[in-house]
Amino acid sequence: MHAQTKTLYVISGPGGSGKTTLARSIVQRCGGMHFLEGDRYDDVETALRQGAQCVVIDGVRPLPGVRGWSVVKLARQLDYRVIPIDMSGKPTQAWRYYWPEVVGDHKGMLAETAADTPEPAPQRNCYPELWPNLIADLQQRLDPQAPGVSELLRLAASRHAFGVAKYDTGLQPFNGRDARVDAIQEALDLMIYLYQLQYEAACRNDARVYALCQPLLVQAVDMAIALVQVGEVP
């Protein structure tokens, strides 16, 4: 049995960006209470103190100023998971400005600490599991007769089963982990494993494997660099 995680969603973005539609969708799936930016903070705090399982606020911008921060601080004190969602396409600048303690001062943080920062165990929520969706998408886009495709799909399904067995839940979005940090760590692992494979191939005089690793290693390095830059404040 899993205790449900209490969650405060704060959705921001310009008019017409879909924030209210998303807010209503979250409330419909998870239940809970929906507040607009103009609603009184006292009403939001009352909902938090009463233990509402899911509280959703949507507005033009993230909760501003001391009063807005007090709502977030209260939510954290009451063991709510705080999830800011910005629909403007540039969420991190607003989040970091208003909520440095909630989302971390990420300026340079990813490059400096993502490599060795342990992520918490994933928390089950109302969002769909991602592996089955990705596998279904790959089945539609890839030729099943192409070399390696059937084995890739089999391994993907096996990886999903492994995650469920390990964490008692499949990988879901907004699961309490930072997907960017996970991606950076996995990219670094891929980079060094390819380097190891190439090094061992050179020691064995295996020219085929050595040559195969070289472009993959270049791509892995480029991918790691791109991921490190995700979310940086310009």
Protein backbone atom coordinates (compact mmCIF):
# COMPACT_ATOMS: atom_id res chain seq x y z
CA MET A 1 0.00 0.00 0.00
CA HIS A 2 1.22 3.50 -0.82
CA ALA A 3 0.26 6.57 1.15
CA GLN A 4 -0.91 9.23 -1.26
CA THR A 5 1.46 12.14 -1.64
CA LYS A 6 -0.05 15.56 -0.95
CA THR A 7 0.87 17.89 -3.79
CA LEU A 8 0.74 21.64 -4.40
CA TYR A 9 0.84 22.51 -8.10
CA VAL A 10 1.50 26.13 -9.05
CA ILE A 11 0.89 26.68 -12.75
CA SER A 12 1.95 29.95 -14.36
CA GLY A 13 2.15 31.36 -17.86
CA PRO A 14 0.69 33.98 -20.19
CA GLY A 15 -2.96 34.13 -21.15
CA GLY A 16 -3.95 31.45 -23.64
CA SER A 17 -1.01 29.17 -22.75
CA GLY A 18 -3.32 26.44 -21.45
CA LYS A 19 -2.56 26.75 -17.74
CA THR A 20 -6.21 26.67 -16.61
CA THR A 21 -6.94 23.71 -18.89
CA LEU A 22 -3.99 21.87 -17.38
CA ALA A 23 -5.08 22.83 -13.86
CA ARG A 24 -8.58 21.47 -14.44
CA SER A 25 -7.14 18.30 -15.93
CA ILE A 26 -4.97 17.72 -12.84
CA VAL A 27 -7.92 18.35 -10.52
CA GLN A 28 -10.11 16.00 -12.57
CA ARG A 29 -7.55 13.19 -12.43
CA CYS A 30 -6.35 13.65 -8.87
CA GLY A 31 -9.24 15.41 -7.16
CA GLY A 32 -8.45 18.42 -5.02
CA MET A 33 -9.01 22.14 -4.99
CA HIS A 34 -8.39 24.68 -7.76
CA PHE A 35 -7.51 28.31 -7.00
CA LEU A 36 -6.96 31.17 -9.41
CA GLU A 37 -4.25 33.79 -8.94
CA GLY A 38 -6.80 36.34 -7.68
CA ASP A 39 -8.04 34.09 -4.88
CA ARG A 40 -6.97 34.95 -1.36
CA TYR A 41 -3.85 33.29 -0.06
CA ASP A 42 -5.76 32.61 3.18
CA ASP A 43 -8.07 30.27 1.27
CA VAL A 44 -5.10 28.40 -0.16
CA GLU A 45 -3.48 28.09 3.27
CA THR A 46 -6.77 26.81 4.73
CA ALA A 47 -6.91 24.09 2.08
CA LEU A 48 -3.31 23.10 2.88
CA ARG A 49 -3.94 23.00 6.64
CA GLN A 50 -7.03 20.87 6.10
CA GLY A 51 -4.89 18.33 4.28
CA ALA A 52 -6.34 18.59 0.79
CA GLN A 53 -4.64 15.86 -1.21
CA CYS A 54 -4.12 18.03 -4.27
CA VAL A 55 -4.10 21.84 -4.40
CA VAL A 56 -3.72 23.58 -7.77
CA ILE A 57 -3.08 27.31 -8.27
CA ASP A 58 -2.93 28.83 -11.73
CA GLY A 59 -2.08 32.42 -12.59
CA VAL A 60 -0.11 34.76 -14.80
CA ARG A 61 3.10 34.33 -12.84
CA PRO A 62 4.54 32.20 -10.03
CA LEU A 63 3.45 33.17 -6.52
CA PRO A 64 5.18 36.52 -5.94
CA GLY A 65 6.72 38.12 -2.91
CA VAL A 66 6.78 37.23 0.75
CA ARG A 67 3.10 36.26 0.91
CA GLY A 68 3.42 33.83 -1.95
CA TRP A 69 6.57 32.34 -0.49
CA SER A 70 4.76 31.80 2.82
CA VAL A 71 2.24 29.55 1.00
CA VAL A 72 5.04 27.46 -0.45
CA LYS A 73 6.86 27.33 2.89
CA LEU A 74 3.66 26.21 4.65
CA ALA A 75 3.11 23.51 2.04
CA ARG A 76 6.59 22.15 2.61
CA GLN A 77 6.11 22.21 6.40
CA LEU A 78 2.94 20.17 5.92
CA ASP A 79 4.82 17.61 3.80
CA TYR A 80 3.40 18.71 0.47
CA ARG A 81 5.38 18.10 -2.68
CA VAL A 82 5.59 21.48 -4.46
CA ILE A 83 5.54 21.28 -8.26
CA PRO A 84 5.88 24.58 -10.16
CA ILE A 85 4.82 24.36 -13.82
CA ASP A 86 5.45 27.30 -16.15
CA MET A 87 3.67 27.30 -19.51
CA SER A 88 5.68 30.21 -20.96
CA GLY A 89 8.50 28.03 -22.27
CA LYS A 90 11.08 29.65 -19.96
CA PRO A 91 10.10 28.33 -16.54
CA THR A 92 13.39 28.18 -14.73
CA GLN A 93 14.08 31.92 -14.65
CA ALA A 94 10.77 32.64 -12.90
CA TRP A 95 11.04 29.66 -10.57
CA ARG A 96 14.54 30.54 -9.48
CA TYR A 97 13.71 34.19 -8.92
CA TYR A 98 10.70 33.56 -6.73
CA TRP A 99 11.47 30.14 -5.24
CA PRO A 100 15.22 29.64 -4.79
CA GLU A 101 14.69 27.37 -1.78
CA VAL A 102 12.05 25.23 -3.47
CA VAL A 103 13.65 24.49 -6.80
CA GLY A 104 17.23 25.30 -5.83
CA ASP A 105 19.50 28.00 -7.11
CA HIS A 106 20.18 26.11 -10.32
CA LYS A 107 22.55 28.65 -11.88
CA GLY A 108 25.51 26.41 -12.52
CA MET A 109 24.17 23.78 -10.13
CA LEU A 110 23.54 21.16 -12.80
CA ALA A 111 27.08 21.36 -14.09
CA GLU A 112 28.60 21.32 -10.61
CA THR A 113 26.53 18.82 -8.60
CA ALA A 114 24.32 16.78 -10.92
CA ALA A 115 27.04 14.21 -11.42
CA ASP A 116 27.02 13.11 -7.79
CA THR A 117 23.70 14.29 -6.38
CA PRO A 118 21.56 11.29 -5.36
CA GLU A 119 17.96 11.49 -6.46
CA PRO A 120 15.11 10.36 -4.15
CA ALA A 121 13.09 7.24 -4.83
CA PRO A 122 10.25 7.93 -7.29
CA GLN A 123 6.85 8.70 -5.81
CA ARG A 124 3.73 7.18 -7.33
CA ASN A 125 1.20 9.71 -8.61
CA CYS A 126 -1.76 10.09 -10.97
CA TYR A 127 0.29 10.49 -14.16
CA PRO A 128 0.69 7.64 -16.68
CA GLU A 129 3.70 5.35 -16.68
CA LEU A 130 6.09 6.46 -19.41
CA TRP A 131 7.76 3.26 -20.61
CA PRO A 132 4.58 1.71 -22.12
CA ASN A 133 3.84 5.00 -23.91
CA LEU A 134 7.37 5.23 -25.31
CA ILE A 135 7.35 1.56 -26.39
CA ALA A 136 4.02 2.04 -28.18
CA ASP A 137 5.43 5.13 -29.91
CA LEU A 138 8.55 3.24 -31.01
CA GLN A 139 6.45 0.38 -32.34
CA GLN A 140 4.62 2.83 -34.57
CA ARG A 141 7.69 4.72 -35.77
CA LEU A 142 10.24 1.93 -36.19
CA ASP A 143 10.32 -0.88 -38.71
CA PRO A 144 10.02 -4.10 -36.68
CA GLN A 145 12.00 -5.94 -39.36
CA ALA A 146 14.95 -3.55 -39.15
CA PRO A 147 18.06 -4.96 -37.46
CA GLY A 148 18.02 -4.53 -33.69
CA VAL A 149 14.50 -3.09 -33.41
CA SER A 150 12.78 -6.15 -31.97
CA GLU A 151 15.60 -6.61 -29.45
CA LEU A 152 15.42 -2.92 -28.51
CA LEU A 153 11.68 -3.20 -27.82
CA ARG A 154 12.22 -6.37 -25.80
CA LEU A 155 14.91 -4.71 -23.70
CA ALA A 156 12.75 -1.61 -23.20
CA ALA A 157 9.90 -3.75 -21.86
CA SER A 158 12.37 -5.59 -19.65
CA ARG A 159 13.73 -2.29 -18.34
CA HIS A 160 10.19 -1.18 -17.48
CA ALA A 161 9.56 -4.44 -15.60
CA PHE A 162 12.86 -4.01 -13.74
CA GLY A 163 11.86 -0.51 -12.61
CA VAL A 164 8.45 -1.68 -11.41
CA ALA A 165 10.04 -4.53 -9.46
CA LYS A 166 12.65 -2.22 -7.91
CA TYR A 167 10.45 0.78 -7.04
CA ASP A 168 6.98 -0.83 -7.01
CA THR A 169 5.91 1.74 -9.61
CA GLY A 170 6.73 2.52 -13.22
CA LEU A 171 8.51 5.71 -14.26
CA GLN A 172 6.06 8.61 -14.19
CA PRO A 173 6.43 12.37 -14.79
CA PHE A 174 6.48 14.62 -11.71
CA ASN A 175 7.57 11.70 -9.51
CA GLY A 176 9.69 13.76 -7.13
CA ARG A 177 12.92 13.26 -9.08
CA ASP A 178 14.65 15.80 -11.30
CA ALA A 179 14.58 14.28 -14.78
CA ARG A 180 17.37 16.61 -15.92
CA VAL A 181 19.70 15.34 -13.20
CA ASP A 182 18.79 11.74 -14.03
CA ALA A 183 19.47 12.42 -17.72
CA ILE A 184 22.84 14.04 -16.99
CA GLN A 185 23.92 11.16 -14.77
CA GLU A 186 22.87 8.58 -17.36
CA ALA A 187 24.62 10.56 -20.12
CA LEU A 188 27.83 10.63 -18.08
CA ASP A 189 27.56 6.87 -17.51
CA LEU A 190 26.99 6.27 -21.22
CA MET A 191 30.02 8.43 -22.03
CA ILE A 192 32.39 6.56 -19.73
CA TYR A 193 31.02 3.12 -20.61
CA LEU A 194 31.57 3.79 -24.31
CA TYR A 195 35.08 5.01 -23.50
CA GLN A 196 35.68 1.81 -21.49
CA LEU A 197 34.33 -0.34 -24.33
CA GLN A 198 36.57 1.42 -26.84
CA TYR A 199 39.61 1.15 -24.56
CA GLU A 200 39.06 -2.59 -24.09
CA ALA A 201 38.54 -3.03 -27.84
CA ALA A 202 41.88 -1.34 -28.49
CA CYS A 203 43.58 -3.68 -26.02
CA ARG A 204 42.07 -6.66 -27.85
CA ASN A 205 42.92 -5.21 -31.28
CA ASP A 206 39.20 -5.32 -32.12
CA ALA A 207 39.08 -2.71 -34.86
CA ARG A 208 35.37 -3.20 -35.58
CA VAL A 209 34.18 -2.43 -32.04
CA TYR A 210 36.73 0.37 -31.69
CA ALA A 211 35.46 2.05 -34.86
CA LEU A 212 31.82 1.55 -33.79
CA CYS A 213 32.44 3.26 -30.44
CA GLN A 214 34.13 6.36 -31.83
CA PRO A 215 31.06 8.15 -33.34
CA LEU A 216 28.88 6.94 -30.47
CA LEU A 217 31.31 8.42 -27.95
CA VAL A 218 31.31 11.75 -29.81
CA GLN A 219 27.49 11.78 -29.75
CA ALA A 220 27.45 10.86 -26.05
CA VAL A 221 29.79 13.75 -25.21
CA ASP A 222 27.68 16.18 -27.24
CA MET A 223 24.52 14.91 -25.53
CA ALA A 224 26.06 15.32 -22.06
CA ILE A 225 27.15 18.88 -22.87
CA ALA A 226 23.66 19.76 -24.13
CA LEU A 227 22.01 18.29 -21.03
CA VAL A 228 24.33 20.18 -18.69
CA GLN A 229 23.18 23.38 -20.36
CA VAL A 230 19.46 22.58 -19.94
CA GLY A 231 17.88 25.03 -17.51
CA GLU A 232 20.88 27.33 -17.20
CA VAL A 233 20.03 31.00 -16.77
CA PRO A 234 21.48 32.95 -19.69
